[in-house]
C-alpha atoms as a PDB file:
ATOM      1  CA  MET A   1     -27.540  67.014  27.356  1.00  0.00           C
ATOM      2  CA  ALA A   2     -30.235  66.408  24.733  1.00  0.00           C
ATOM      3  CA  THR A   3     -33.655  67.916  25.374  1.00  0.00           C
ATOM      4  CA  VAL A   4     -36.742  65.993  24.272  1.00  0.00           C
ATOM      5  CA  VAL A   5     -39.249  68.270  22.530  1.00  0.00           C
ATOM      6  CA  THR A   6     -42.722  66.876  21.870  1.00  0.00           C
ATOM      7  CA  SER A   7     -46.105  68.370  21.028  1.00  0.00           C
ATOM      8  CA  SER A   8     -46.675  68.660  24.778  1.00  0.00           C
ATOM      9  CA  ASN A   9     -43.794  71.012  25.528  1.00  0.00           C
ATOM     10  CA  ARG A  10     -43.107  72.852  22.275  1.00  0.00           C
ATOM     11  CA  HIS A  11     -44.476  76.061  23.732  1.00  0.00           C
ATOM     12  CA  SER A  12     -41.478  76.048  26.074  1.00  0.00           C
ATOM     13  CA  HIS A  13     -38.952  75.479  23.288  1.00  0.00           C
ATOM     14  CA  ARG A  14     -40.009  77.807  20.469  1.00  0.00           C
ATOM     15  CA  ALA A  15     -36.596  79.460  20.234  1.00  0.00           C
ATOM     16  CA  SER A  16     -34.783  76.124  20.168  1.00  0.00           C
ATOM     17  CA  LEU A  17     -37.056  74.800  17.440  1.00  0.00           C
ATOM     18  CA  ALA A  18     -36.633  77.953  15.345  1.00  0.00           C
ATOM     19  CA  ALA A  19     -32.838  77.666  15.614  1.00  0.00           C
ATOM     20  CA  MET A  20     -33.038  73.988  14.686  1.00  0.00           C
ATOM     21  CA  HIS A  21     -35.129  74.634  11.568  1.00  0.00           C
ATOM     22  CA  ALA A  22     -32.806  77.495  10.560  1.00  0.00           C
ATOM     23  CA  ASP A  23     -29.733  75.280  10.883  1.00  0.00           C
ATOM     24  CA  ARG A  24     -31.487  72.499   8.991  1.00  0.00           C
ATOM     25  CA  LYS A  25     -31.967  74.967   6.152  1.00  0.00           C
ATOM     26  CA  ARG A  26     -28.291  75.958   6.221  1.00  0.00           C
ATOM     27  CA  VAL A  27     -27.124  72.334   6.265  1.00  0.00           C
ATOM     28  CA  PHE A  28     -29.553  70.507   3.990  1.00  0.00           C
ATOM     29  CA  VAL A  29     -30.605  73.233   1.555  1.00  0.00           C
ATOM     30  CA  ASP A  30     -27.727  75.718   1.419  1.00  0.00           C
ATOM     31  CA  THR A  31     -24.805  73.290   1.807  1.00  0.00           C
ATOM     32  CA  LEU A  32     -26.028  69.884   0.623  1.00  0.00           C
ATOM     33  CA  LYS A  33     -28.385  71.390  -1.995  1.00  0.00           C
ATOM     34  CA  TRP A  34     -31.281  69.083  -1.173  1.00  0.00           C
ATOM     35  CA  ASP A  35     -34.562  70.051  -2.806  1.00  0.00           C
ATOM     36  CA  LEU A  36     -36.573  70.691   0.360  1.00  0.00           C
ATOM     37  CA  PRO A  37     -39.327  73.125   1.299  1.00  0.00           C
ATOM     38  CA  VAL A  38     -38.223  76.329   3.012  1.00  0.00           C
ATOM     39  CA  VAL A  39     -40.573  78.454   5.112  1.00  0.00           C
ATOM     40  CA  ASP A  40     -40.172  82.244   5.199  1.00  0.00           C
ATOM     41  CA  GLY A  41     -36.855  81.894   3.368  1.00  0.00           C
ATOM     42  CA  GLN A  42     -35.022  80.644   6.448  1.00  0.00           C
ATOM     43  CA  PHE A  43     -36.585  77.518   7.985  1.00  0.00           C
ATOM     44  CA  GLU A  44     -36.403  73.998   6.538  1.00  0.00           C
ATOM     45  CA  MET A  45     -39.693  72.292   7.378  1.00  0.00           C
ATOM     46  CA  ASP A  46     -41.562  69.518   5.627  1.00  0.00           C
ATOM     47  CA  GLU A  47     -44.795  67.565   5.954  1.00  0.00           C
ATOM     48  CA  TYR A  48     -43.277  65.298   8.612  1.00  0.00           C
ATOM     49  CA  ASP A  49     -42.703  68.142  11.071  1.00  0.00           C
ATOM     50  CA  THR A  50     -46.078  67.396  12.610  1.00  0.00           C
ATOM     51  CA  GLU A  51     -47.543  67.025  16.083  1.00  0.00           C
ATOM     52  CA  ASP A  52     -46.323  63.417  16.021  1.00  0.00           C
ATOM     53  CA  ALA A  53     -42.693  64.390  15.449  1.00  0.00           C
ATOM     54  CA  ILE A  54     -40.330  64.369  18.416  1.00  0.00           C
ATOM     55  CA  TYR A  55     -37.045  66.268  18.420  1.00  0.00           C
ATOM     56  CA  LEU A  56     -33.883  65.623  20.417  1.00  0.00           C
ATOM     57  CA  ILE A  57     -31.943  68.887  20.638  1.00  0.00           C
ATOM     58  CA  VAL A  58     -28.448  69.524  21.991  1.00  0.00           C
ATOM     59  CA  GLN A  59     -27.781  73.129  23.025  1.00  0.00           C
ATOM     60  CA  ASP A  60     -24.736  75.073  24.126  1.00  0.00           C
ATOM     61  CA  PRO A  61     -25.001  75.151  27.945  1.00  0.00           C
ATOM     62  CA  ARG A  62     -23.496  78.645  27.980  1.00  0.00           C
ATOM     63  CA  ASN A  63     -26.002  80.442  25.786  1.00  0.00           C
ATOM     64  CA  GLY A  64     -28.632  77.949  24.628  1.00  0.00           C
ATOM     65  CA  ALA A  65     -27.478  78.013  20.986  1.00  0.00           C
ATOM     66  CA  HIS A  66     -28.503  75.061  18.822  1.00  0.00           C
ATOM     67  CA  LEU A  67     -25.592  72.650  18.422  1.00  0.00           C
ATOM     68  CA  GLY A  68     -27.333  69.641  16.906  1.00  0.00           C
ATOM     69  CA  SER A  69     -30.631  67.839  16.626  1.00  0.00           C
ATOM     70  CA  VAL A  70     -32.520  64.895  15.191  1.00  0.00           C
ATOM     71  CA  ARG A  71     -36.156  64.210  14.343  1.00  0.00           C
ATOM     72  CA  ILE A  72     -37.933  60.933  15.050  1.00  0.00           C
ATOM     73  CA  VAL A  73     -41.441  59.960  13.963  1.00  0.00           C
ATOM     74  CA  PRO A  74     -43.515  56.814  14.527  1.00  0.00           C
ATOM     75  CA  THR A  75     -43.670  54.486  11.538  1.00  0.00           C
ATOM     76  CA  SER A  76     -47.252  53.616  12.436  1.00  0.00           C
ATOM     77  CA  GLY A  77     -48.185  56.839  10.649  1.00  0.00           C
ATOM     78  CA  ALA A  78     -46.872  58.870   7.731  1.00  0.00           C
ATOM     79  CA  HIS A  79     -43.086  58.818   7.476  1.00  0.00           C
ATOM     80  CA  LEU A  80     -40.469  59.570   4.833  1.00  0.00           C
ATOM     81  CA  LEU A  81     -39.145  56.066   4.123  1.00  0.00           C
ATOM     82  CA  GLY A  82     -42.600  54.523   3.865  1.00  0.00           C
ATOM     83  CA  ASP A  83     -44.145  57.308   1.801  1.00  0.00           C
ATOM     84  CA  LYS A  84     -41.380  58.287  -0.614  1.00  0.00           C
ATOM     85  CA  PHE A  85     -38.442  55.894  -0.436  1.00  0.00           C
ATOM     86  CA  ALA A  86     -39.971  52.432  -0.059  1.00  0.00           C
ATOM     87  CA  PHE A  87     -37.984  51.383  -3.139  1.00  0.00           C
ATOM     88  CA  LEU A  88     -34.883  51.344  -0.910  1.00  0.00           C
ATOM     89  CA  CYS A  89     -36.285  48.287   0.902  1.00  0.00           C
ATOM     90  CA  ASP A  90     -36.148  44.814  -0.635  1.00  0.00           C
ATOM     91  CA  ASP A  91     -39.196  43.786   1.391  1.00  0.00           C
ATOM     92  CA  GLU A  92     -41.955  45.802   3.026  1.00  0.00           C
ATOM     93  CA  VAL A  93     -40.895  48.927   4.886  1.00  0.00           C
ATOM     94  CA  PRO A  94     -40.593  48.011   8.578  1.00  0.00           C
ATOM     95  CA  SER A  95     -43.357  49.655  10.581  1.00  0.00           C
ATOM     96  CA  GLY A  96     -45.123  49.274  13.876  1.00  0.00           C
ATOM     97  CA  LEU A  97     -45.643  50.885  17.252  1.00  0.00           C
ATOM     98  CA  ASP A  98     -42.141  49.886  18.380  1.00  0.00           C
ATOM     99  CA  ILE A  99     -40.392  51.114  15.211  1.00  0.00           C
ATOM    100  CA  TRP A 100     -39.625  54.810  14.709  1.00  0.00           C
ATOM    101  CA  GLU A 101     -37.857  56.643  11.895  1.00  0.00           C
ATOM    102  CA  ILE A 102     -34.748  58.812  12.300  1.00  0.00           C
ATOM    103  CA  THR A 103     -34.414  61.805   9.962  1.00  0.00           C
ATOM    104  CA  ARG A 104     -32.844  65.267   9.786  1.00  0.00           C
ATOM    105  CA  MET A 105     -29.881  64.614  12.074  1.00  0.00           C
ATOM    106  CA  CYS A 106     -27.568  67.597  11.814  1.00  0.00           C
ATOM    107  CA  THR A 107     -25.012  69.644  13.672  1.00  0.00           C
ATOM    108  CA  ALA A 108     -24.886  73.418  13.546  1.00  0.00           C
ATOM    109  CA  PRO A 109     -22.730  74.843  10.745  1.00  0.00           C
ATOM    110  CA  GLY A 110     -19.471  76.386  11.841  1.00  0.00           C
ATOM    111  CA  ILE A 111     -18.975  74.624  15.160  1.00  0.00           C
ATOM    112  CA  GLU A 112     -15.553  73.169  15.904  1.00  0.00           C
ATOM    113  CA  ARG A 113     -14.903  69.645  14.677  1.00  0.00           C
ATOM    114  CA  GLU A 114     -14.375  68.259  18.171  1.00  0.00           C
ATOM    115  CA  VAL A 115     -17.588  69.864  19.381  1.00  0.00           C
ATOM    116  CA  GLY A 116     -19.487  68.452  16.421  1.00  0.00           C
ATOM    117  CA  THR A 117     -18.197  64.965  17.171  1.00  0.00           C
ATOM    118  CA  ARG A 118     -19.305  65.202  20.790  1.00  0.00           C
ATOM    119  CA  VAL A 119     -22.721  66.527  19.766  1.00  0.00           C
ATOM    120  CA  ARG A 120     -23.262  63.621  17.370  1.00  0.00           C
ATOM    121  CA  GLN A 121     -22.289  61.194  20.125  1.00  0.00           C
ATOM    122  CA  GLN A 122     -24.817  62.805  22.447  1.00  0.00           C
ATOM    123  CA  LEU A 123     -27.529  62.537  19.797  1.00  0.00           C
ATOM    124  CA  ALA A 124     -26.724  58.877  19.147  1.00  0.00           C
ATOM    125  CA  LEU A 125     -26.871  58.148  22.875  1.00  0.00           C
ATOM    126  CA  ALA A 126     -30.061  60.174  23.286  1.00  0.00           C
ATOM    127  CA  LEU A 127     -31.736  58.131  20.564  1.00  0.00           C
ATOM    128  CA  VAL A 128     -30.863  54.931  22.412  1.00  0.00           C
ATOM    129  CA  GLU A 129     -31.941  56.285  25.806  1.00  0.00           C
ATOM    130  CA  PHE A 130     -35.217  57.554  24.351  1.00  0.00           C
ATOM    131  CA  ALA A 131     -35.872  54.201  22.709  1.00  0.00           C
ATOM    132  CA  LEU A 132     -35.350  52.300  25.942  1.00  0.00           C
ATOM    133  CA  ILE A 133     -37.678  54.663  27.820  1.00  0.00           C
ATOM    134  CA  GLY A 134     -40.345  54.709  25.118  1.00  0.00           C
ATOM    135  CA  GLY A 135     -40.496  51.039  24.174  1.00  0.00           C
ATOM    136  CA  ILE A 136     -38.837  51.510  20.789  1.00  0.00           C
ATOM    137  CA  THR A 137     -36.984  48.372  19.702  1.00  0.00           C
ATOM    138  CA  ARG A 138     -35.874  49.498  16.249  1.00  0.00           C
ATOM    139  CA  TYR A 139     -35.248  52.615  14.216  1.00  0.00           C
ATOM    140  CA  THR A 140     -35.318  52.957  10.450  1.00  0.00           C
ATOM    141  CA  MET A 141     -33.155  55.528   8.742  1.00  0.00           C
ATOM    142  CA  MET A 142     -31.697  56.502   5.395  1.00  0.00           C
ATOM    143  CA  THR A 143     -28.134  57.555   4.747  1.00  0.00           C
ATOM    144  CA  HIS A 144     -26.013  58.632   1.840  1.00  0.00           C
ATOM    145  CA  MET A 145     -23.327  56.045   1.235  1.00  0.00           C
ATOM    146  CA  ALA A 146     -20.681  58.717   1.787  1.00  0.00           C
ATOM    147  CA  PHE A 147     -21.836  58.869   5.415  1.00  0.00           C
ATOM    148  CA  LEU A 148     -22.329  55.123   5.939  1.00  0.00           C
ATOM    149  CA  SER A 149     -18.973  54.569   7.614  1.00  0.00           C
ATOM    150  CA  ALA A 150     -19.763  57.334  10.114  1.00  0.00           C
ATOM    151  CA  VAL A 151     -23.123  55.721  10.901  1.00  0.00           C
ATOM    152  CA  LEU A 152     -21.554  52.298  11.393  1.00  0.00           C
ATOM    153  CA  ALA A 153     -18.832  53.841  13.569  1.00  0.00           C
ATOM    154  CA  THR A 154     -21.468  54.743  16.159  1.00  0.00           C
ATOM    155  CA  GLY A 155     -21.569  51.092  17.162  1.00  0.00           C
ATOM    156  CA  TRP A 156     -25.275  50.734  16.457  1.00  0.00           C
ATOM    157  CA  ASP A 157     -26.547  47.287  15.432  1.00  0.00           C
ATOM    158  CA  CYS A 158     -27.423  48.113  11.803  1.00  0.00           C
ATOM    159  CA  GLU A 159     -28.612  46.000   8.916  1.00  0.00           C
ATOM    160  CA  PRO A 160     -29.345  47.124   5.348  1.00  0.00           C
ATOM    161  CA  LEU A 161     -32.953  46.983   4.197  1.00  0.00           C
ATOM    162  CA  GLY A 162     -31.972  46.759   0.552  1.00  0.00           C
ATOM    163  CA  LEU A 163     -29.387  47.739  -1.999  1.00  0.00           C
ATOM    164  CA  PRO A 164     -28.454  51.425  -2.276  1.00  0.00           C
ATOM    165  CA  ALA A 165     -30.157  53.355  -5.065  1.00  0.00           C
ATOM    166  CA  ASN A 166     -29.461  56.576  -6.910  1.00  0.00           C
ATOM    167  CA  VAL A 167     -31.380  59.455  -5.363  1.00  0.00           C
ATOM    168  CA  GLY A 168     -30.683  62.890  -6.791  1.00  0.00           C
ATOM    169  CA  GLY A 169     -27.353  61.765  -8.202  1.00  0.00           C
ATOM    170  CA  GLU A 170     -26.102  60.145  -4.976  1.00  0.00           C
ATOM    171  CA  LEU A 171     -26.268  56.613  -3.630  1.00  0.00           C
ATOM    172  CA  VAL A 172     -28.657  56.318  -0.692  1.00  0.00           C
ATOM    173  CA  GLY A 173     -29.444  53.280   1.423  1.00  0.00           C
ATOM    174  CA  ALA A 174     -31.982  52.387   4.115  1.00  0.00           C
ATOM    175  CA  LEU A 175     -30.988  50.815   7.417  1.00  0.00           C
ATOM    176  CA  LEU A 176     -32.707  49.117  10.332  1.00  0.00           C
ATOM    177  CA  VAL A 177     -31.162  49.818  13.744  1.00  0.00           C
ATOM    178  CA  THR A 178     -31.910  47.435  16.619  1.00  0.00           C
ATOM    179  CA  ILE A 179     -31.837  48.921  20.116  1.00  0.00           C
ATOM    180  CA  THR A 180     -31.208  46.928  23.311  1.00  0.00           C
ATOM    181  CA  PRO A 181     -29.860  47.802  26.781  1.00  0.00           C
ATOM    182  CA  ALA A 182     -26.532  46.394  25.582  1.00  0.00           C
ATOM    183  CA  THR A 183     -26.460  49.115  22.915  1.00  0.00           C
ATOM    184  CA  LEU A 184     -26.524  51.777  25.603  1.00  0.00           C
ATOM    185  CA  THR A 185     -23.804  50.099  27.646  1.00  0.00           C
ATOM    186  CA  LYS A 186     -21.590  49.777  24.582  1.00  0.00           C
ATOM    187  CA  LEU A 187     -21.956  53.398  23.458  1.00  0.00           C
ATOM    188  CA  ARG A 188     -21.488  54.862  26.916  1.00  0.00           C
ATOM    189  CA  GLY A 189     -18.337  52.822  27.350  1.00  0.00           C
ATOM    190  CA  GLN A 190     -16.731  53.653  24.036  1.00  0.00           C
ATOM    191  CA  TRP A 191     -17.446  57.393  24.374  1.00  0.00           C
ATOM    192  CA  SER A 192     -16.844  57.703  28.140  1.00  0.00           C
ATOM    193  CA  PHE A 193     -20.319  58.910  29.074  1.00  0.00           C
ATOM    194  CA  ARG A 194     -21.134  57.915  32.643  1.00  0.00           C
ATOM    195  CA  GLN A 195     -24.455  59.736  33.004  1.00  0.00           C
ATOM    196  CA  PRO A 196     -27.605  59.862  30.856  1.00  0.00           C
ATOM    197  CA  VAL A 197     -27.592  62.551  28.186  1.00  0.00           C
ATOM    198  CA  LEU A 198     -31.365  62.724  27.748  1.00  0.00           C
ATOM    199  CA  ARG A 199     -33.272  65.589  29.377  1.00  0.00           C
ATOM    200  CA  LEU A 200     -36.909  64.524  29.614  1.00  0.00           C
ATOM    201  CA  ASP A 201     -39.634  66.352  31.535  1.00  0.00           C
ATOM    202  CA  LEU A 202     -42.150  63.593  32.133  1.00  0.00           C
ATOM    203  CA  SER A 203     -44.693  66.079  33.454  1.00  0.00           C
ATOM    204  CA  GLU A 204     -44.976  67.516  29.937  1.00  0.00           C
ATOM    205  CA  SER A 205     -44.102  64.455  27.874  1.00  0.00           C
ATOM    206  CA  LYS A 206     -46.277  62.158  25.806  1.00  0.00           C
ATOM    207  CA  LEU A 207     -44.478  59.353  27.608  1.00  0.00           C
ATOM    208  CA  ALA A 208     -45.977  60.310  30.968  1.00  0.00           C
ATOM    209  CA  ALA A 209     -48.364  57.592  32.110  1.00  0.00           C
END
């Protein structure tokens, strides 16, 4: 299951968020050597970890340990691609109320390969389920070209927003992902998920009407 953490329910998920930010530091700063801000020497957090950010977090059902997570933010406000990497898009950066940005997808360091694969599948499915619930029709995202085949292997309907460019010595490209109900059917079928993976408490969620 993937828990949805918003500004409305963060008080209930402080430990999960702390573990997520710690693993983000281990993955993106310690391992990948990205030049990112680190808080208190152990948490990777940047200016897009705001009240508007929503996190989808997969935890170990046995002990609650962080297994993987992803951050999404609305493109109607400040977001990474629009603010700092617009040069990756041939045309204007896609933005709007129905377009959100995917960033900081990671799995916990040290977990078994098979577990990591299943966690990434759950996150991919959770993104689709969340989109269909929240009226999101498209996601934008950036990926290093070394990971492009893995992104395409999810079965998402992706299109490049421009040619890859050198960022910090590596080729990086921007993608637009279109989400439809057929996307969910396809992913559930190819990964043998019969039930929703998203855990959403509508009583605490921004999506509650």
